N, C-alpha and C. Protein backbone atom coordinates (compact mmCIF):
# COMPACT_ATOMS: atom_id res chain seq x y z
N MET A 1 -16.70 60.42 66.03
CA MET A 1 -16.24 60.62 64.62
C MET A 1 -16.89 59.74 63.66
N LEU A 2 -17.28 60.21 62.58
CA LEU A 2 -17.85 59.48 61.49
C LEU A 2 -17.03 59.61 60.23
N LYS A 3 -16.68 58.55 59.59
CA LYS A 3 -15.89 58.46 58.43
C LYS A 3 -16.35 57.25 57.63
N VAL A 4 -15.65 57.23 56.37
CA VAL A 4 -15.84 56.09 55.41
C VAL A 4 -15.68 54.66 56.37
N GLY A 5 -16.82 53.89 56.24
CA GLY A 5 -16.77 52.69 56.98
C GLY A 5 -17.71 52.61 58.08
N SER A 6 -17.97 53.80 58.67
CA SER A 6 -18.84 53.99 59.78
C SER A 6 -20.24 53.50 59.35
N ARG A 7 -20.97 52.88 60.37
CA ARG A 7 -22.29 52.44 60.05
C ARG A 7 -23.13 52.63 61.39
N GLY A 8 -24.45 52.78 61.10
CA GLY A 8 -25.45 52.79 62.19
C GLY A 8 -26.36 54.00 62.11
N SER A 9 -27.09 54.25 63.28
CA SER A 9 -28.13 55.26 63.36
C SER A 9 -27.33 56.63 63.28
N ASP A 10 -26.27 56.79 63.80
CA ASP A 10 -25.63 58.15 63.62
C ASP A 10 -25.32 58.45 62.27
N VAL A 11 -24.95 57.46 61.45
CA VAL A 11 -24.66 57.73 59.97
C VAL A 11 -25.97 58.08 59.21
N THR A 12 -27.07 57.44 59.67
CA THR A 12 -28.45 57.70 59.06
C THR A 12 -28.67 59.18 59.37
N ARG A 13 -28.64 59.55 60.61
CA ARG A 13 -28.94 60.96 61.05
C ARG A 13 -28.02 61.97 60.22
N LEU A 14 -26.78 61.54 60.07
CA LEU A 14 -25.75 62.37 59.40
C LEU A 14 -26.38 62.66 57.89
N GLN A 15 -26.67 61.51 57.26
CA GLN A 15 -27.22 61.28 55.85
C GLN A 15 -28.54 62.28 55.72
N GLN A 16 -29.37 62.04 56.74
CA GLN A 16 -30.60 62.83 56.70
C GLN A 16 -30.34 64.37 56.81
N THR A 17 -29.50 64.83 57.71
CA THR A 17 -29.27 66.03 57.91
C THR A 17 -28.38 66.69 56.74
N LEU A 18 -27.55 65.92 56.21
CA LEU A 18 -26.85 66.57 54.86
C LEU A 18 -27.90 66.72 53.79
N ALA A 19 -28.91 65.75 53.53
CA ALA A 19 -29.88 65.91 52.53
C ALA A 19 -30.75 67.09 52.80
N ARG A 20 -31.14 67.27 54.08
CA ARG A 20 -31.98 68.44 54.43
C ARG A 20 -31.37 69.75 54.31
N ALA A 21 -30.04 69.70 54.36
CA ALA A 21 -29.14 70.98 54.29
C ALA A 21 -28.83 71.19 52.77
N GLY A 22 -29.22 70.22 51.78
CA GLY A 22 -29.08 70.39 50.38
C GLY A 22 -27.81 69.76 49.95
N TYR A 23 -27.20 68.87 50.75
CA TYR A 23 -26.08 68.16 50.19
C TYR A 23 -26.49 66.72 50.03
N ASN A 24 -26.67 66.24 48.78
CA ASN A 24 -27.04 64.75 48.49
C ASN A 24 -25.95 63.76 48.96
N PRO A 25 -26.32 62.95 49.89
CA PRO A 25 -25.42 61.98 50.42
C PRO A 25 -25.63 60.69 49.63
N GLY A 26 -26.60 60.62 48.69
CA GLY A 26 -26.77 59.45 47.93
C GLY A 26 -27.80 58.49 48.49
N GLY A 27 -28.42 58.86 49.59
CA GLY A 27 -29.39 57.91 50.30
C GLY A 27 -29.17 57.98 51.82
N THR A 28 -30.07 57.29 52.35
CA THR A 28 -29.97 57.21 53.94
C THR A 28 -30.01 55.80 54.46
N ASP A 29 -28.93 54.99 54.03
CA ASP A 29 -28.77 53.72 54.30
C ASP A 29 -28.02 53.42 55.71
N GLY A 30 -27.50 54.41 56.21
CA GLY A 30 -26.71 54.17 57.56
C GLY A 30 -25.30 53.65 57.22
N ILE A 31 -24.92 53.73 56.05
CA ILE A 31 -23.51 53.29 55.67
C ILE A 31 -22.77 54.43 55.13
N PHE A 32 -21.62 54.81 55.85
CA PHE A 32 -20.75 56.02 55.37
C PHE A 32 -19.94 55.52 54.22
N GLY A 33 -20.33 55.77 52.99
CA GLY A 33 -19.61 55.41 51.85
C GLY A 33 -19.08 56.48 51.01
N ALA A 34 -18.75 56.36 49.71
CA ALA A 34 -18.19 57.35 48.94
C ALA A 34 -19.20 58.66 48.70
N ASN A 35 -20.39 58.35 48.58
CA ASN A 35 -21.43 59.40 48.28
C ASN A 35 -21.61 60.25 49.54
N THR A 36 -21.67 59.71 50.71
CA THR A 36 -21.60 60.47 51.91
C THR A 36 -20.50 61.24 52.17
N LYS A 37 -19.28 60.57 51.96
CA LYS A 37 -18.04 61.33 52.12
C LYS A 37 -18.05 62.55 51.12
N ALA A 38 -18.42 62.44 49.96
CA ALA A 38 -18.44 63.59 49.02
C ALA A 38 -19.45 64.66 49.46
N ALA A 39 -20.54 64.33 50.00
CA ALA A 39 -21.52 65.28 50.50
C ALA A 39 -20.96 66.04 51.61
N VAL A 40 -20.18 65.32 52.48
CA VAL A 40 -19.53 65.93 53.75
C VAL A 40 -18.49 66.95 53.24
N VAL A 41 -17.66 66.47 52.17
CA VAL A 41 -16.61 67.31 51.67
C VAL A 41 -17.24 68.71 51.10
N ARG A 42 -18.37 68.55 50.36
CA ARG A 42 -19.05 69.64 49.70
C ARG A 42 -19.47 70.70 50.99
N TYR A 43 -20.11 70.02 52.02
CA TYR A 43 -20.54 70.71 53.08
C TYR A 43 -19.36 71.54 53.73
N GLN A 44 -18.33 70.75 54.02
CA GLN A 44 -17.12 71.41 54.61
C GLN A 44 -16.46 72.63 53.80
N ARG A 45 -16.44 72.35 52.51
CA ARG A 45 -15.88 73.44 51.65
C ARG A 45 -16.83 74.74 51.67
N ALA A 46 -18.08 74.39 51.64
CA ALA A 46 -18.99 75.53 51.69
C ALA A 46 -19.04 76.40 53.01
N HIS A 47 -18.62 75.67 54.10
CA HIS A 47 -18.59 76.30 55.37
C HIS A 47 -17.13 76.60 55.94
N GLY A 48 -16.20 76.61 55.05
CA GLY A 48 -14.83 77.04 55.51
C GLY A 48 -14.17 75.98 56.46
N LEU A 49 -14.57 74.69 56.44
CA LEU A 49 -13.90 73.67 57.18
C LEU A 49 -12.88 72.95 56.37
N ALA A 50 -12.05 72.21 57.19
CA ALA A 50 -11.06 71.20 56.58
C ALA A 50 -11.80 70.25 55.86
N ALA A 51 -11.70 70.23 54.53
CA ALA A 51 -12.53 69.27 53.65
C ALA A 51 -11.81 68.02 53.57
N ASP A 52 -12.01 67.09 54.64
CA ASP A 52 -11.32 65.87 54.65
C ASP A 52 -12.37 64.73 54.73
N GLY A 53 -13.70 65.05 54.64
CA GLY A 53 -14.67 64.01 54.49
C GLY A 53 -14.95 63.29 55.81
N ILE A 54 -14.43 63.73 56.85
CA ILE A 54 -14.58 63.12 58.31
C ILE A 54 -15.49 64.06 59.04
N VAL A 55 -16.45 63.49 59.73
CA VAL A 55 -17.24 64.30 60.67
C VAL A 55 -16.67 64.22 61.94
N GLY A 56 -15.91 65.15 62.37
CA GLY A 56 -15.32 65.20 63.75
C GLY A 56 -16.16 66.35 64.54
N ASN A 57 -15.36 66.86 65.50
CA ASN A 57 -16.02 67.86 66.39
C ASN A 57 -16.35 69.07 65.56
N ASN A 58 -15.54 69.59 64.75
CA ASN A 58 -15.85 70.99 64.09
C ASN A 58 -16.95 70.77 63.11
N THR A 59 -16.82 69.76 62.26
CA THR A 59 -17.85 69.55 61.16
C THR A 59 -19.20 69.10 61.81
N GLY A 60 -19.20 68.25 62.92
CA GLY A 60 -20.39 67.78 63.46
C GLY A 60 -21.18 69.02 64.24
N SER A 61 -20.40 69.83 64.97
CA SER A 61 -21.07 70.75 65.66
C SER A 61 -21.73 71.77 64.86
N LYS A 62 -20.90 72.17 63.66
CA LYS A 62 -21.54 73.13 62.69
C LYS A 62 -22.78 72.59 61.97
N LEU A 63 -22.57 71.30 61.48
CA LEU A 63 -23.68 70.66 60.79
C LEU A 63 -25.02 70.49 61.61
N PHE A 64 -24.87 69.97 62.64
CA PHE A 64 -25.95 69.47 63.55
C PHE A 64 -26.52 70.71 64.36
N LYS A 65 -25.53 71.69 64.74
CA LYS A 65 -26.16 72.80 65.58
C LYS A 65 -26.39 73.96 64.65
N THR A 66 -25.48 74.37 63.85
CA THR A 66 -25.79 75.66 63.20
C THR A 66 -26.70 75.52 61.97
N ARG A 67 -26.56 74.48 61.30
CA ARG A 67 -27.46 74.32 60.03
C ARG A 67 -28.85 73.71 60.44
N ASN A 68 -28.85 73.13 61.56
CA ASN A 68 -30.10 72.26 61.88
C ASN A 68 -30.38 72.31 63.42
N ASP A 69 -30.26 73.52 64.01
CA ASP A 69 -30.40 73.55 65.38
C ASP A 69 -31.85 73.04 65.91
N ASP A 70 -32.85 73.19 65.05
CA ASP A 70 -34.12 72.63 65.50
C ASP A 70 -34.67 71.56 64.56
N PHE A 71 -33.87 70.79 63.99
CA PHE A 71 -33.95 69.69 63.11
C PHE A 71 -35.08 68.76 63.71
N TRP A 72 -34.97 68.51 64.98
CA TRP A 72 -35.97 67.53 65.58
C TRP A 72 -37.14 68.06 66.03
N ASP A 73 -37.49 69.34 65.85
CA ASP A 73 -38.73 69.90 66.47
C ASP A 73 -39.98 69.64 65.61
N GLY A 74 -39.86 69.08 64.50
CA GLY A 74 -41.03 68.76 63.68
C GLY A 74 -41.56 69.92 62.97
N LYS A 75 -41.05 71.12 62.90
CA LYS A 75 -41.49 72.28 62.14
C LYS A 75 -40.54 72.52 60.94
N PRO A 76 -41.25 72.87 59.85
CA PRO A 76 -40.48 73.27 58.70
C PRO A 76 -39.50 74.36 59.10
N ASP A 77 -38.12 74.26 58.56
CA ASP A 77 -37.33 75.32 58.71
C ASP A 77 -36.95 76.05 57.41
N GLY A 78 -36.17 77.00 57.53
CA GLY A 78 -35.61 77.63 56.30
C GLY A 78 -36.68 78.57 55.64
N VAL A 79 -37.74 79.04 56.24
CA VAL A 79 -38.61 79.87 55.69
C VAL A 79 -38.48 81.22 56.27
N GLY A 80 -38.30 82.07 55.28
CA GLY A 80 -38.27 83.60 55.72
C GLY A 80 -36.97 84.27 56.01
N GLY A 81 -35.88 83.58 56.23
CA GLY A 81 -34.65 84.11 56.68
C GLY A 81 -33.51 83.21 56.07
N THR A 82 -32.39 83.25 56.88
CA THR A 82 -31.21 82.39 56.40
C THR A 82 -31.79 80.89 56.37
N PRO A 83 -31.47 80.23 55.27
CA PRO A 83 -31.98 78.74 55.32
C PRO A 83 -31.40 78.04 56.54
N GLY A 84 -32.19 77.26 57.18
CA GLY A 84 -31.73 76.26 58.19
C GLY A 84 -31.86 74.92 57.56
N SER A 85 -32.67 74.02 58.07
CA SER A 85 -32.85 72.71 57.44
C SER A 85 -33.73 72.90 56.33
N PHE A 86 -33.72 72.04 55.31
CA PHE A 86 -34.63 72.03 54.29
C PHE A 86 -36.00 71.46 54.69
N PRO A 87 -37.06 72.02 54.41
CA PRO A 87 -38.40 71.57 54.83
C PRO A 87 -38.81 70.40 54.19
N VAL A 88 -38.40 69.25 54.49
CA VAL A 88 -38.76 68.13 53.74
C VAL A 88 -40.22 67.84 53.80
N ASN A 89 -40.94 67.95 54.81
CA ASN A 89 -42.36 67.70 54.93
C ASN A 89 -43.14 69.11 54.71
N GLY A 90 -42.56 70.08 54.22
CA GLY A 90 -43.20 71.50 54.03
C GLY A 90 -43.85 71.46 52.74
N SER A 91 -44.58 72.55 52.51
CA SER A 91 -45.31 72.74 51.29
C SER A 91 -44.46 73.11 50.22
N ASN A 92 -44.80 73.00 48.94
CA ASN A 92 -44.13 73.51 47.74
C ASN A 92 -43.61 74.95 47.96
N ARG A 93 -44.36 75.93 48.52
CA ARG A 93 -44.05 77.12 48.77
C ARG A 93 -42.88 77.36 49.84
N GLN A 94 -42.95 76.51 50.92
CA GLN A 94 -41.88 76.57 51.89
C GLN A 94 -40.56 76.07 51.18
N LYS A 95 -40.61 75.04 50.34
CA LYS A 95 -39.44 74.55 49.76
C LYS A 95 -38.87 75.59 48.80
N LEU A 96 -39.79 76.31 48.12
CA LEU A 96 -39.35 77.28 47.16
C LEU A 96 -38.78 78.37 47.90
N ASP A 97 -39.24 78.87 49.06
CA ASP A 97 -38.80 79.84 49.97
C ASP A 97 -37.44 79.56 50.40
N TYR A 98 -37.05 78.27 50.81
CA TYR A 98 -35.83 77.69 51.25
C TYR A 98 -34.79 78.05 50.09
N ALA A 99 -35.20 77.55 48.82
CA ALA A 99 -34.33 77.75 47.73
C ALA A 99 -34.04 79.16 47.40
N THR A 100 -35.06 80.06 47.49
CA THR A 100 -34.88 81.52 47.32
C THR A 100 -33.96 82.13 48.39
N ASN A 101 -34.16 81.73 49.67
CA ASN A 101 -33.28 82.25 50.68
C ASN A 101 -31.78 81.81 50.58
N LEU A 102 -31.73 80.52 50.11
CA LEU A 102 -30.37 79.86 49.88
C LEU A 102 -29.57 80.63 48.79
N ALA A 103 -30.31 80.99 47.73
CA ALA A 103 -29.79 81.64 46.58
C ALA A 103 -29.13 82.89 47.12
N ARG A 104 -30.05 83.78 47.76
CA ARG A 104 -29.64 85.09 48.29
C ARG A 104 -28.41 84.90 49.24
N GLN A 105 -28.51 83.93 50.22
CA GLN A 105 -27.35 83.81 51.16
C GLN A 105 -26.12 83.54 50.30
N MET A 106 -26.25 82.81 49.16
CA MET A 106 -24.98 82.44 48.47
C MET A 106 -24.64 83.56 47.40
N GLY A 107 -25.41 84.69 47.48
CA GLY A 107 -24.93 85.82 46.65
C GLY A 107 -25.40 85.70 45.21
N LEU A 108 -26.38 84.83 45.01
CA LEU A 108 -26.92 84.67 43.69
C LEU A 108 -28.08 85.61 43.63
N ARG A 109 -28.50 85.91 42.16
CA ARG A 109 -29.59 86.79 42.01
C ARG A 109 -30.83 86.00 41.42
N ILE A 110 -32.02 86.38 41.88
CA ILE A 110 -33.14 85.75 41.40
C ILE A 110 -33.52 86.55 40.27
N THR A 111 -33.56 85.77 39.13
CA THR A 111 -33.69 86.48 37.85
C THR A 111 -35.11 86.39 37.19
N SER A 112 -35.84 85.47 37.74
CA SER A 112 -37.23 85.18 37.21
C SER A 112 -38.08 84.50 38.27
N THR A 113 -39.21 84.95 38.52
CA THR A 113 -40.14 84.09 39.42
C THR A 113 -41.46 83.82 38.44
N THR A 114 -42.33 84.58 38.44
CA THR A 114 -43.47 84.25 37.58
C THR A 114 -43.53 85.05 36.35
N GLY A 115 -42.52 86.00 36.23
CA GLY A 115 -42.47 86.80 34.94
C GLY A 115 -41.65 86.20 33.90
N GLY A 116 -41.45 86.89 32.90
CA GLY A 116 -40.55 86.37 31.81
C GLY A 116 -41.25 85.54 30.76
N LYS A 117 -40.50 85.02 29.92
CA LYS A 117 -41.08 84.14 28.88
C LYS A 117 -40.74 82.63 29.31
N HIS A 118 -41.64 81.80 29.42
CA HIS A 118 -41.37 80.36 29.81
C HIS A 118 -42.16 79.33 28.92
N ALA A 119 -41.89 78.10 28.99
CA ALA A 119 -42.66 77.28 28.07
C ALA A 119 -43.99 77.26 28.73
N PRO A 120 -45.05 76.93 27.82
CA PRO A 120 -46.52 77.01 28.30
C PRO A 120 -46.66 75.75 29.40
N GLY A 121 -47.34 76.18 30.48
CA GLY A 121 -47.49 75.25 31.55
C GLY A 121 -46.43 75.21 32.51
N SER A 122 -45.49 76.21 32.38
CA SER A 122 -44.19 76.27 33.24
C SER A 122 -44.66 76.42 34.74
N TYR A 123 -43.85 75.82 35.74
CA TYR A 123 -44.04 76.03 36.89
C TYR A 123 -43.92 77.55 37.48
N HIS A 124 -43.29 78.32 36.63
CA HIS A 124 -43.14 79.57 36.92
C HIS A 124 -44.54 80.35 37.02
N TYR A 125 -45.37 79.95 36.08
CA TYR A 125 -46.89 80.70 36.03
C TYR A 125 -47.57 80.09 37.18
N LYS A 126 -47.22 78.99 37.90
CA LYS A 126 -47.88 78.44 38.97
C LYS A 126 -47.35 78.85 40.38
N GLY A 127 -46.31 79.75 40.14
CA GLY A 127 -45.69 80.22 41.39
C GLY A 127 -44.91 79.26 42.11
N ARG A 128 -44.38 78.27 41.45
CA ARG A 128 -43.63 77.03 42.09
C ARG A 128 -42.23 77.14 41.48
N ALA A 129 -41.66 78.10 40.78
CA ALA A 129 -40.32 78.06 40.19
C ALA A 129 -39.68 79.40 40.30
N ILE A 130 -38.40 79.25 40.40
CA ILE A 130 -37.58 80.57 40.30
C ILE A 130 -36.30 80.16 39.37
N ASP A 131 -35.67 81.24 38.74
CA ASP A 131 -34.41 81.06 38.14
C ASP A 131 -33.55 81.90 38.89
N VAL A 132 -32.22 81.47 38.93
CA VAL A 132 -31.24 82.16 39.70
C VAL A 132 -29.99 82.30 38.82
N ALA A 133 -29.22 83.35 38.99
CA ALA A 133 -28.05 83.47 38.19
C ALA A 133 -26.89 84.04 39.14
N GLY A 134 -25.64 83.82 38.59
CA GLY A 134 -24.51 84.35 39.36
C GLY A 134 -23.24 83.65 38.61
N SER A 135 -22.26 83.57 39.32
CA SER A 135 -21.00 83.02 38.85
C SER A 135 -21.16 81.48 38.55
N PRO A 136 -20.54 80.91 37.32
CA PRO A 136 -20.90 79.64 37.21
C PRO A 136 -20.39 78.68 38.36
N SER A 137 -19.35 78.97 39.27
CA SER A 137 -19.17 78.13 40.31
C SER A 137 -20.13 78.20 41.43
N LYS A 138 -20.71 79.40 41.65
CA LYS A 138 -21.80 79.51 42.67
C LYS A 138 -23.11 78.75 42.14
N MET A 139 -23.40 78.87 40.86
CA MET A 139 -24.59 78.23 40.27
C MET A 139 -24.37 76.73 40.32
N ALA A 140 -23.27 76.28 40.18
CA ALA A 140 -22.91 74.70 40.27
C ALA A 140 -23.02 74.36 41.70
N GLU A 141 -22.63 75.11 42.62
CA GLU A 141 -22.78 74.66 44.05
C GLU A 141 -24.13 74.70 44.40
N TYR A 142 -24.93 75.63 43.99
CA TYR A 142 -26.38 75.79 44.35
C TYR A 142 -27.13 74.77 43.81
N TYR A 143 -26.71 74.26 42.36
CA TYR A 143 -27.43 72.99 41.90
C TYR A 143 -27.09 71.83 42.74
N ARG A 144 -25.95 71.57 43.14
CA ARG A 144 -25.36 70.45 43.88
C ARG A 144 -26.18 70.31 45.21
N ARG A 145 -26.38 71.54 45.88
CA ARG A 145 -26.98 71.65 47.08
C ARG A 145 -28.49 71.29 47.12
N LEU A 146 -29.13 71.64 46.04
CA LEU A 146 -30.60 71.28 45.90
C LEU A 146 -30.84 70.13 45.19
N ALA A 147 -29.95 69.52 44.62
CA ALA A 147 -30.18 68.22 44.05
C ALA A 147 -30.53 67.07 44.88
N GLY A 148 -30.22 67.12 46.13
CA GLY A 148 -30.74 66.12 47.14
C GLY A 148 -32.01 66.55 47.84
N THR A 149 -32.67 67.50 47.25
CA THR A 149 -33.93 67.91 47.89
C THR A 149 -35.22 67.29 47.21
N ARG A 150 -35.04 66.51 46.27
CA ARG A 150 -36.09 65.93 45.46
C ARG A 150 -36.92 66.90 44.79
N PRO A 151 -36.31 67.95 44.09
CA PRO A 151 -37.14 68.99 43.39
C PRO A 151 -38.08 68.35 42.34
N THR A 152 -39.03 69.10 42.01
CA THR A 152 -39.83 68.81 40.85
C THR A 152 -39.16 69.02 39.58
N GLU A 153 -38.34 70.17 39.57
CA GLU A 153 -37.47 70.38 38.39
C GLU A 153 -36.20 71.05 38.85
N LEU A 154 -35.11 70.72 38.55
CA LEU A 154 -33.79 71.51 38.75
C LEU A 154 -32.98 71.32 37.47
N PHE A 155 -32.64 72.50 36.86
CA PHE A 155 -31.91 72.42 35.52
C PHE A 155 -30.74 73.43 35.63
N TYR A 156 -29.57 73.04 35.30
CA TYR A 156 -28.42 73.81 35.14
C TYR A 156 -27.52 72.98 34.06
N ASP A 157 -27.48 73.40 32.80
CA ASP A 157 -26.90 72.67 31.73
C ASP A 157 -25.50 72.10 32.00
N PRO A 158 -24.60 72.86 32.67
CA PRO A 158 -23.28 72.31 32.90
C PRO A 158 -23.33 71.14 34.02
N GLN A 159 -24.42 71.05 34.85
CA GLN A 159 -24.54 70.07 35.88
C GLN A 159 -25.45 68.95 35.35
N GLY A 160 -26.53 69.30 34.61
CA GLY A 160 -27.47 68.36 34.23
C GLY A 160 -28.92 68.77 34.48
N GLY A 161 -29.79 67.84 34.63
CA GLY A 161 -31.13 68.15 35.07
C GLY A 161 -31.73 67.16 35.83
N ILE A 162 -32.79 67.66 36.58
CA ILE A 162 -33.47 66.66 37.40
C ILE A 162 -35.01 67.06 37.30
N LYS A 163 -35.78 65.99 37.01
CA LYS A 163 -37.20 66.16 36.89
C LYS A 163 -37.91 65.03 37.76
N ASN A 164 -38.89 65.61 38.62
CA ASN A 164 -39.51 64.73 39.62
C ASN A 164 -38.61 63.91 40.39
N GLY A 165 -37.44 64.40 40.85
CA GLY A 165 -36.42 63.85 41.57
C GLY A 165 -35.56 62.88 41.04
N ARG A 166 -35.61 62.60 39.63
CA ARG A 166 -34.78 61.79 38.87
C ARG A 166 -33.85 62.59 37.95
N PRO A 167 -32.49 62.14 37.86
CA PRO A 167 -31.67 62.71 37.01
C PRO A 167 -32.09 62.48 35.50
N ILE A 168 -32.17 63.51 34.74
CA ILE A 168 -32.52 63.30 33.24
C ILE A 168 -31.47 63.92 32.32
N GLY A 169 -30.39 64.49 32.76
CA GLY A 169 -29.49 65.09 31.94
C GLY A 169 -29.80 66.48 31.63
N ALA A 170 -28.86 67.12 30.95
CA ALA A 170 -29.14 68.58 30.51
C ALA A 170 -30.31 68.55 29.43
N ILE A 171 -31.04 69.58 29.56
CA ILE A 171 -32.08 69.83 28.53
C ILE A 171 -32.00 70.81 27.66
N GLY A 172 -31.01 71.75 27.87
CA GLY A 172 -30.74 72.89 26.97
C GLY A 172 -31.55 74.03 27.47
N GLY A 173 -30.94 75.35 27.20
CA GLY A 173 -31.59 76.51 27.65
C GLY A 173 -31.34 76.95 29.07
N HIS A 174 -30.42 76.30 29.73
CA HIS A 174 -30.18 76.65 31.12
C HIS A 174 -28.70 76.80 31.39
N ARG A 175 -28.01 77.40 30.56
CA ARG A 175 -26.64 77.51 30.66
C ARG A 175 -26.24 78.73 31.64
N ASP A 176 -27.18 79.88 31.54
CA ASP A 176 -26.73 80.98 32.22
C ASP A 176 -27.54 81.25 33.55
N HIS A 177 -28.26 80.23 33.95
CA HIS A 177 -29.14 80.25 35.18
C HIS A 177 -29.52 78.90 35.67
N VAL A 178 -29.85 78.80 36.89
CA VAL A 178 -30.43 77.50 37.51
C VAL A 178 -31.84 77.74 37.70
N HIS A 179 -32.55 76.75 37.13
CA HIS A 179 -34.17 76.70 37.30
C HIS A 179 -34.43 75.68 38.32
N ILE A 180 -35.22 76.12 39.30
CA ILE A 180 -35.67 75.25 40.45
C ILE A 180 -37.13 75.28 40.65
N ALA A 181 -37.79 74.29 40.81
CA ALA A 181 -39.23 74.15 41.11
C ALA A 181 -39.60 73.03 42.06
N TYR A 182 -40.52 73.32 42.84
CA TYR A 182 -41.01 72.36 43.82
C TYR A 182 -42.47 72.27 43.58
């Protein structure tokens, strides 16, 4: 069982797994603190588990087995089907495929890939970005799940913005969709 106050390599693995699954634990320092608990609670809510922030048998088996069953095999996951682990060492294309599959799994619509009108030099024109739309609560969850994946760009005005892995706040023009680029 892992909970606030737990420390060590098991917590580090938990933090890495949460981050790869799209739930930002605030770092991988091996200390189960408030940020890790918040990430666990988000994961539990998204997967119909008791949202108590404690990694016991139910949460642990679902997180480590279902989401990341081949986490340690060294191969990028989440490409082509239902997202598994985020492909941390994968190409930008593999990361964007993960984001696309996650959006579809969550019932969100892909509203723009390379088409549409975007700012000059946009990552859309380079095939590295998508826009996704749906209910505000689903878009907020999608934003939160991808925030820990160190995207090149992630914008959703009600939640804020991330550029090159760093929070920059809302930039405007992204209230009705989430923009993600790797």
